[in-house]
C-alpha atoms as a PDB file:
ATOM      1  CA  UNK A   1      -0.374  -0.403   0.121  1.00  0.00           C
ATOM      2  CA  UNK A   2       1.214   3.708  -0.938  1.00  0.00           C
ATOM      3  CA  UNK A   3       2.382   5.437   2.053  1.00  0.00           C
ATOM      4  CA  UNK A   4      -0.098   8.191   1.582  1.00  0.00           C
ATOM      5  CA  UNK A   5      -2.842   6.068   1.357  1.00  0.00           C
ATOM      6  CA  UNK A   6      -5.302   5.262   3.972  1.00  0.00           C
ATOM      7  CA  UNK A   7      -5.644   1.899   5.524  1.00  0.00           C
ATOM      8  CA  UNK A   8      -8.750  -0.126   4.544  1.00  0.00           C
ATOM      9  CA  UNK A   9     -10.794  -1.586   7.141  1.00  0.00           C
ATOM     10  CA  UNK A  10     -13.477  -4.517   6.011  1.00  0.00           C
ATOM     11  CA  UNK A  11     -16.029  -4.795   8.928  1.00  0.00           C
ATOM     12  CA  UNK A  12     -17.836  -8.465   8.623  1.00  0.00           C
ATOM     13  CA  UNK A  13     -20.925  -7.667  11.067  1.00  0.00           C
ATOM     14  CA  UNK A  14     -24.761  -8.955  10.683  1.00  0.00           C
ATOM     15  CA  UNK A  15     -26.037  -6.962  13.061  1.00  0.00           C
ATOM     16  CA  UNK A  16     -27.364  -3.695  11.327  1.00  0.00           C
ATOM     17  CA  UNK A  17     -27.127  -1.085  14.236  1.00  0.00           C
ATOM     18  CA  UNK A  18     -23.609  -2.237  14.960  1.00  0.00           C
ATOM     19  CA  UNK A  19     -22.895  -2.195  11.368  1.00  0.00           C
ATOM     20  CA  UNK A  20     -23.808   1.678  10.754  1.00  0.00           C
ATOM     21  CA  UNK A  21     -22.023   3.018  14.145  1.00  0.00           C
ATOM     22  CA  UNK A  22     -18.988   0.968  13.115  1.00  0.00           C
ATOM     23  CA  UNK A  23     -18.625   2.375   9.938  1.00  0.00           C
ATOM     24  CA  UNK A  24     -19.861   5.922  10.718  1.00  0.00           C
ATOM     25  CA  UNK A  25     -17.110   5.827  13.861  1.00  0.00           C
ATOM     26  CA  UNK A  26     -14.483   4.296  11.890  1.00  0.00           C
ATOM     27  CA  UNK A  27     -14.979   6.878   8.710  1.00  0.00           C
ATOM     28  CA  UNK A  28     -14.646   9.799  11.388  1.00  0.00           C
ATOM     29  CA  UNK A  29     -11.436   8.061  12.027  1.00  0.00           C
ATOM     30  CA  UNK A  30      -9.985   8.435   8.732  1.00  0.00           C
ATOM     31  CA  UNK A  31     -10.193   4.942   7.338  1.00  0.00           C
ATOM     32  CA  UNK A  32     -11.927   3.655   4.322  1.00  0.00           C
ATOM     33  CA  UNK A  33     -14.422   1.343   5.372  1.00  0.00           C
ATOM     34  CA  UNK A  34     -16.887  -1.443   3.640  1.00  0.00           C
ATOM     35  CA  UNK A  35     -18.951  -3.455   5.711  1.00  0.00           C
ATOM     36  CA  UNK A  36     -20.510  -6.493   4.913  1.00  0.00           C
ATOM     37  CA  UNK A  37     -22.883  -8.968   6.295  1.00  0.00           C
ATOM     38  CA  UNK A  38     -21.851 -12.652   6.441  1.00  0.00           C
ATOM     39  CA  UNK A  39     -18.443 -14.815   5.820  1.00  0.00           C
ATOM     40  CA  UNK A  40     -18.669 -15.605   1.917  1.00  0.00           C
ATOM     41  CA  UNK A  41     -19.416 -12.012   1.021  1.00  0.00           C
ATOM     42  CA  UNK A  42     -16.320 -11.213   3.359  1.00  0.00           C
ATOM     43  CA  UNK A  43     -13.779 -13.029   1.587  1.00  0.00           C
ATOM     44  CA  UNK A  44     -15.180 -12.001  -2.071  1.00  0.00           C
ATOM     45  CA  UNK A  45     -14.838  -8.053  -0.861  1.00  0.00           C
ATOM     46  CA  UNK A  46     -11.471  -9.104   0.776  1.00  0.00           C
ATOM     47  CA  UNK A  47     -10.253 -10.710  -2.723  1.00  0.00           C
ATOM     48  CA  UNK A  48     -12.184  -7.411  -4.639  1.00  0.00           C
ATOM     49  CA  UNK A  49     -10.468  -4.795  -2.752  1.00  0.00           C
ATOM     50  CA  UNK A  50      -7.469  -6.367  -0.144  1.00  0.00           C
ATOM     51  CA  UNK A  51      -7.963  -5.058   3.211  1.00  0.00           C
ATOM     52  CA  UNK A  52      -5.317  -3.856   5.344  1.00  0.00           C
ATOM     53  CA  UNK A  53      -7.450  -5.253   8.801  1.00  0.00           C
ATOM     54  CA  UNK A  54     -10.459  -7.043   9.194  1.00  0.00           C
ATOM     55  CA  UNK A  55     -12.642  -6.777  11.720  1.00  0.00           C
ATOM     56  CA  UNK A  56     -14.625 -10.130  11.985  1.00  0.00           C
ATOM     57  CA  UNK A  57     -17.707 -10.905  14.260  1.00  0.00           C
ATOM     58  CA  UNK A  58     -17.611 -14.834  14.932  1.00  0.00           C
ATOM     59  CA  UNK A  59     -21.062 -15.354  15.221  1.00  0.00           C
ATOM     60  CA  UNK A  60     -22.170 -14.926  11.583  1.00  0.00           C
ATOM     61  CA  UNK A  61     -25.566 -16.466  10.120  1.00  0.00           C
ATOM     62  CA  UNK A  62     -23.928 -18.780   7.143  1.00  0.00           C
ATOM     63  CA  UNK A  63     -20.720 -18.794   6.990  1.00  0.00           C
ATOM     64  CA  UNK A  64     -19.094 -18.158  10.533  1.00  0.00           C
ATOM     65  CA  UNK A  65     -15.904 -16.062  11.447  1.00  0.00           C
ATOM     66  CA  UNK A  66     -14.041 -19.075  12.365  1.00  0.00           C
ATOM     67  CA  UNK A  67     -14.680 -20.579   8.628  1.00  0.00           C
ATOM     68  CA  UNK A  68     -13.554 -16.958   7.033  1.00  0.00           C
ATOM     69  CA  UNK A  69     -10.155 -17.199   9.606  1.00  0.00           C
ATOM     70  CA  UNK A  70      -9.907 -20.778   8.580  1.00  0.00           C
ATOM     71  CA  UNK A  71     -10.304 -19.952   4.985  1.00  0.00           C
ATOM     72  CA  UNK A  72      -7.592 -17.047   4.972  1.00  0.00           C
ATOM     73  CA  UNK A  73      -4.929 -18.740   6.563  1.00  0.00           C
ATOM     74  CA  UNK A  74      -4.938 -21.861   4.847  1.00  0.00           C
ATOM     75  CA  UNK A  75      -4.330 -19.516   2.103  1.00  0.00           C
ATOM     76  CA  UNK A  76      -1.133 -18.044   3.847  1.00  0.00           C
ATOM     77  CA  UNK A  77      -3.143 -14.775   3.999  1.00  0.00           C
ATOM     78  CA  UNK A  78      -1.632 -12.762   6.799  1.00  0.00           C
ATOM     79  CA  UNK A  79      -4.004 -10.017   7.118  1.00  0.00           C
ATOM     80  CA  UNK A  80      -4.594  -9.016  10.349  1.00  0.00           C
ATOM     81  CA  UNK A  81      -8.104  -9.925  12.025  1.00  0.00           C
ATOM     82  CA  UNK A  82      -9.931  -8.376  15.083  1.00  0.00           C
ATOM     83  CA  UNK A  83     -12.133 -10.810  16.477  1.00  0.00           C
ATOM     84  CA  UNK A  84     -15.954  -9.629  17.660  1.00  0.00           C
ATOM     85  CA  UNK A  85     -16.827 -11.918  20.646  1.00  0.00           C
ATOM     86  CA  UNK A  86     -19.834 -12.478  22.922  1.00  0.00           C
ATOM     87  CA  UNK A  87     -19.221 -11.738  26.553  1.00  0.00           C
ATOM     88  CA  UNK A  88     -18.424 -14.971  28.301  1.00  0.00           C
ATOM     89  CA  UNK A  89     -17.366 -16.746  25.164  1.00  0.00           C
ATOM     90  CA  UNK A  90     -14.102 -17.559  26.618  1.00  0.00           C
ATOM     91  CA  UNK A  91     -13.773 -20.633  24.121  1.00  0.00           C
ATOM     92  CA  UNK A  92     -14.420 -18.802  21.519  1.00  0.00           C
ATOM     93  CA  UNK A  93     -11.804 -16.652  21.636  1.00  0.00           C
ATOM     94  CA  UNK A  94      -9.330 -19.230  22.368  1.00  0.00           C
ATOM     95  CA  UNK A  95     -10.233 -21.210  19.025  1.00  0.00           C
ATOM     96  CA  UNK A  96     -10.014 -17.705  17.420  1.00  0.00           C
ATOM     97  CA  UNK A  97      -6.627 -16.971  18.480  1.00  0.00           C
ATOM     98  CA  UNK A  98      -5.545 -20.612  17.886  1.00  0.00           C
ATOM     99  CA  UNK A  99      -6.681 -20.359  14.152  1.00  0.00           C
ATOM    100  CA  UNK A 100      -4.447 -16.940  13.521  1.00  0.00           C
ATOM    101  CA  UNK A 101      -6.645 -13.874  15.076  1.00  0.00           C
ATOM    102  CA  UNK A 102      -4.723 -11.080  15.896  1.00  0.00           C
ATOM    103  CA  UNK A 103      -6.603  -9.397  18.770  1.00  0.00           C
ATOM    104  CA  UNK A 104     -10.026  -9.915  19.926  1.00  0.00           C
ATOM    105  CA  UNK A 105     -12.495  -7.314  21.883  1.00  0.00           C
ATOM    106  CA  UNK A 106     -15.892  -8.398  23.645  1.00  0.00           C
ATOM    107  CA  UNK A 107     -19.270  -7.457  23.030  1.00  0.00           C
ATOM    108  CA  UNK A 108     -20.401  -4.241  24.026  1.00  0.00           C
ATOM    109  CA  UNK A 109     -17.096  -2.589  23.698  1.00  0.00           C
ATOM    110  CA  UNK A 110     -16.127   1.023  23.743  1.00  0.00           C
ATOM    111  CA  UNK A 111     -15.046   2.884  20.417  1.00  0.00           C
ATOM    112  CA  UNK A 112     -12.690   4.330  22.278  1.00  0.00           C
ATOM    113  CA  UNK A 113     -11.141   0.896  23.026  1.00  0.00           C
ATOM    114  CA  UNK A 114     -11.782  -0.168  19.651  1.00  0.00           C
ATOM    115  CA  UNK A 115     -10.092   2.685  17.606  1.00  0.00           C
ATOM    116  CA  UNK A 116      -7.157   2.012  19.957  1.00  0.00           C
ATOM    117  CA  UNK A 117      -6.783  -1.980  19.206  1.00  0.00           C
ATOM    118  CA  UNK A 118      -7.237  -1.126  15.228  1.00  0.00           C
ATOM    119  CA  UNK A 119      -4.496   1.203  15.609  1.00  0.00           C
ATOM    120  CA  UNK A 120      -1.773  -0.668  17.387  1.00  0.00           C
ATOM    121  CA  UNK A 121      -2.265  -3.821  14.987  1.00  0.00           C
ATOM    122  CA  UNK A 122      -1.974  -1.257  12.100  1.00  0.00           C
ATOM    123  CA  UNK A 123       1.645  -0.053  13.754  1.00  0.00           C
ATOM    124  CA  UNK A 124       2.608  -3.210  14.087  1.00  0.00           C
ATOM    125  CA  UNK A 125       2.433  -4.295  10.649  1.00  0.00           C
ATOM    126  CA  UNK A 126       3.529  -0.725   9.644  1.00  0.00           C
ATOM    127  CA  UNK A 127       0.222   0.358   7.536  1.00  0.00           C
ATOM    128  CA  UNK A 128       0.030   3.769   6.856  1.00  0.00           C
ATOM    129  CA  UNK A 129      -2.984   5.370   8.928  1.00  0.00           C
ATOM    130  CA  UNK A 130      -4.390   8.837   9.119  1.00  0.00           C
ATOM    131  CA  UNK A 131      -2.390  11.675  10.995  1.00  0.00           C
ATOM    132  CA  UNK A 132      -4.555  12.879  14.209  1.00  0.00           C
ATOM    133  CA  UNK A 133      -2.513  15.543  15.369  1.00  0.00           C
ATOM    134  CA  UNK A 134      -4.030  18.794  15.208  1.00  0.00           C
ATOM    135  CA  UNK A 135      -2.540  22.797  16.055  1.00  0.00           C
ATOM    136  CA  UNK A 136      -4.883  25.255  16.873  1.00  0.00           C
ATOM    137  CA  UNK A 137      -2.966  28.388  17.509  1.00  0.00           C
ATOM    138  CA  UNK A 138      -1.462  27.517  21.026  1.00  0.00           C
ATOM    139  CA  UNK A 139      -3.101  24.473  21.269  1.00  0.00           C
ATOM    140  CA  UNK A 140      -1.665  21.216  20.319  1.00  0.00           C
ATOM    141  CA  UNK A 141      -3.967  18.049  19.981  1.00  0.00           C
ATOM    142  CA  UNK A 142      -2.772  14.832  19.431  1.00  0.00           C
ATOM    143  CA  UNK A 143      -5.915  11.946  19.284  1.00  0.00           C
ATOM    144  CA  UNK A 144      -3.324   8.880  19.057  1.00  0.00           C
ATOM    145  CA  UNK A 145      -1.601   9.651  22.126  1.00  0.00           C
ATOM    146  CA  UNK A 146      -4.731  11.129  23.863  1.00  0.00           C
ATOM    147  CA  UNK A 147      -2.916  14.366  24.707  1.00  0.00           C
ATOM    148  CA  UNK A 148      -3.465  18.077  24.600  1.00  0.00           C
ATOM    149  CA  UNK A 149      -1.544  20.893  25.279  1.00  0.00           C
ATOM    150  CA  UNK A 150      -1.737  24.929  25.337  1.00  0.00           C
ATOM    151  CA  UNK A 151       1.721  26.616  24.860  1.00  0.00           C
ATOM    152  CA  UNK A 152       3.314  23.444  25.659  1.00  0.00           C
ATOM    153  CA  UNK A 153       1.311  22.857  28.798  1.00  0.00           C
ATOM    154  CA  UNK A 154      -0.832  19.651  29.659  1.00  0.00           C
ATOM    155  CA  UNK A 155      -4.100  20.327  29.892  1.00  0.00           C
ATOM    156  CA  UNK A 156      -5.157  16.565  31.575  1.00  0.00           C
ATOM    157  CA  UNK A 157      -8.137  16.024  29.703  1.00  0.00           C
ATOM    158  CA  UNK A 158      -9.468  12.597  30.464  1.00  0.00           C
ATOM    159  CA  UNK A 159     -10.272  10.190  27.467  1.00  0.00           C
ATOM    160  CA  UNK A 160     -14.089  11.223  26.885  1.00  0.00           C
ATOM    161  CA  UNK A 161     -13.106  14.824  27.010  1.00  0.00           C
ATOM    162  CA  UNK A 162     -10.416  14.182  24.299  1.00  0.00           C
ATOM    163  CA  UNK A 163     -12.832  11.763  21.872  1.00  0.00           C
ATOM    164  CA  UNK A 164     -15.503  15.044  22.425  1.00  0.00           C
ATOM    165  CA  UNK A 165     -12.849  17.382  21.292  1.00  0.00           C
ATOM    166  CA  UNK A 166     -11.530  15.035  18.683  1.00  0.00           C
ATOM    167  CA  UNK A 167     -14.928  15.106  17.024  1.00  0.00           C
ATOM    168  CA  UNK A 168     -15.384  18.987  17.339  1.00  0.00           C
ATOM    169  CA  UNK A 169     -12.049  20.004  15.979  1.00  0.00           C
ATOM    170  CA  UNK A 170     -12.080  17.346  13.026  1.00  0.00           C
ATOM    171  CA  UNK A 171     -14.913  19.370  11.899  1.00  0.00           C
ATOM    172  CA  UNK A 172     -14.616  23.153  12.944  1.00  0.00           C
ATOM    173  CA  UNK A 173     -17.765  25.378  12.109  1.00  0.00           C
ATOM    174  CA  UNK A 174     -20.191  22.310  12.121  1.00  0.00           C
ATOM    175  CA  UNK A 175     -22.811  22.164  14.651  1.00  0.00           C
ATOM    176  CA  UNK A 176     -22.822  18.528  16.126  1.00  0.00           C
ATOM    177  CA  UNK A 177     -25.890  17.842  18.311  1.00  0.00           C
ATOM    178  CA  UNK A 178     -26.074  16.137  21.758  1.00  0.00           C
ATOM    179  CA  UNK A 179     -27.320  13.204  19.864  1.00  0.00           C
ATOM    180  CA  UNK A 180     -24.666  13.107  17.672  1.00  0.00           C
ATOM    181  CA  UNK A 181     -21.913  13.377  20.711  1.00  0.00           C
ATOM    182  CA  UNK A 182     -23.812  10.790  22.754  1.00  0.00           C
ATOM    183  CA  UNK A 183     -23.455   8.236  19.531  1.00  0.00           C
ATOM    184  CA  UNK A 184     -19.596   9.225  18.644  1.00  0.00           C
ATOM    185  CA  UNK A 185     -18.200   9.753  22.019  1.00  0.00           C
ATOM    186  CA  UNK A 186     -19.988   6.632  24.308  1.00  0.00           C
ATOM    187  CA  UNK A 187     -19.465   2.832  24.151  1.00  0.00           C
ATOM    188  CA  UNK A 188     -22.485   1.283  22.061  1.00  0.00           C
ATOM    189  CA  UNK A 189     -24.115   0.095  25.290  1.00  0.00           C
ATOM    190  CA  UNK A 190     -24.092   3.495  27.027  1.00  0.00           C
ATOM    191  CA  UNK A 191     -26.971   5.436  28.125  1.00  0.00           C
ATOM    192  CA  UNK A 192     -25.816   8.494  29.123  1.00  0.00           C
ATOM    193  CA  UNK A 193     -28.503  11.814  28.920  1.00  0.00           C
ATOM    194  CA  UNK A 194     -27.995  14.667  26.760  1.00  0.00           C
ATOM    195  CA  UNK A 195     -27.194  16.508  30.110  1.00  0.00           C
ATOM    196  CA  UNK A 196     -24.227  14.301  30.551  1.00  0.00           C
ATOM    197  CA  UNK A 197     -22.907  16.096  26.955  1.00  0.00           C
ATOM    198  CA  UNK A 198     -23.437  19.751  28.648  1.00  0.00           C
ATOM    199  CA  UNK A 199     -21.465  18.459  31.601  1.00  0.00           C
ATOM    200  CA  UNK A 200     -18.770  17.325  29.726  1.00  0.00           C
ATOM    201  CA  UNK A 201     -18.583  20.196  27.063  1.00  0.00           C
ATOM    202  CA  UNK A 202     -18.234  22.727  30.145  1.00  0.00           C
ATOM    203  CA  UNK A 203     -15.404  20.783  31.808  1.00  0.00           C
ATOM    204  CA  UNK A 204     -13.711  20.498  28.504  1.00  0.00           C
ATOM    205  CA  UNK A 205     -14.396  24.549  28.374  1.00  0.00           C
ATOM    206  CA  UNK A 206     -13.019  25.165  31.614  1.00  0.00           C
ATOM    207  CA  UNK A 207      -9.842  22.813  30.865  1.00  0.00           C
ATOM    208  CA  UNK A 208      -9.164  24.500  28.011  1.00  0.00           C
ATOM    209  CA  UNK A 209      -9.162  28.028  29.249  1.00  0.00           C
ATOM    210  CA  UNK A 210     -12.350  28.814  26.781  1.00  0.00           C
ATOM    211  CA  UNK A 211     -14.170  32.136  28.145  1.00  0.00           C
ATOM    212  CA  UNK A 212     -16.318  34.438  27.105  1.00  0.00           C
ATOM    213  CA  UNK A 213     -13.841  36.563  25.385  1.00  0.00           C
ATOM    214  CA  UNK A 214     -12.308  33.828  23.244  1.00  0.00           C
ATOM    215  CA  UNK A 215     -15.228  31.081  22.922  1.00  0.00           C
ATOM    216  CA  UNK A 216     -13.375  28.030  21.106  1.00  0.00           C
ATOM    217  CA  UNK A 217     -16.848  25.770  21.616  1.00  0.00           C
ATOM    218  CA  UNK A 218     -19.852  27.739  20.962  1.00  0.00           C
ATOM    219  CA  UNK A 219     -23.026  26.706  21.785  1.00  0.00           C
ATOM    220  CA  UNK A 220     -26.069  26.607  18.853  1.00  0.00           C
ATOM    221  CA  UNK A 221     -28.991  27.439  20.949  1.00  0.00           C
ATOM    222  CA  UNK A 222     -31.391  24.021  20.890  1.00  0.00           C
ATOM    223  CA  UNK A 223     -29.135  22.194  18.880  1.00  0.00           C
ATOM    224  CA  UNK A 224     -25.651  21.311  19.996  1.00  0.00           C
ATOM    225  CA  UNK A 225     -21.858  22.613  19.704  1.00  0.00           C
ATOM    226  CA  UNK A 226     -19.715  23.878  17.163  1.00  0.00           C
ATOM    227  CA  UNK A 227     -15.783  24.263  17.548  1.00  0.00           C
ATOM    228  CA  UNK A 228     -14.889  27.821  15.705  1.00  0.00           C
ATOM    229  CA  UNK A 229     -11.092  27.865  15.633  1.00  0.00           C
ATOM    230  CA  UNK A 230      -9.891  26.526  12.178  1.00  0.00           C
ATOM    231  CA  UNK A 231      -6.703  24.741  12.451  1.00  0.00           C
ATOM    232  CA  UNK A 232      -3.035  25.816  11.320  1.00  0.00           C
END
């Protein structure tokens, strides 16, 4: 793969809601994403457009994830595979790893952890991935390292605050509703209220030194929040 290209992820998952959640979040992270719902379509998709990493649910309706794994490894295909397994299915995880999977995540999982696992695997195999360092004036945000500084001083943001910040900073000038932020910044099984978003944004503003004189995160009445500064 050319150094300038983005990593291409193949998501093999039959739950429609989870398909949409994964596609939205992984595209937001800057990856190229293709989604299929079963094992045989996954193999055809991989043959047509080789994936840099396969996100593979083990429990699929026809050709399950174990058979996909066996097929790929018998063909000496070393594509990295991150398994998705059910809670408590330890035997499945052991079997998947023994068949040649690289890592696993237990459902329900955090989007933050999923992205971290994907990036760790891609770094190991040296596949190009999108740069996630953004500078805005005195601020520097490294979304891979999960750090934020102002004039070189660490702002000590939580992982949730970093995730909200990343969503806002990546699309300056765009208004993100509270429901958008809940969907993108929280785990799939979390049930926080819109008020939770307001509390996190308030804490984020305080740590950034965001005040009325220089409003970095504006409140759009009745809609949500918007980052006002353009990256350098």
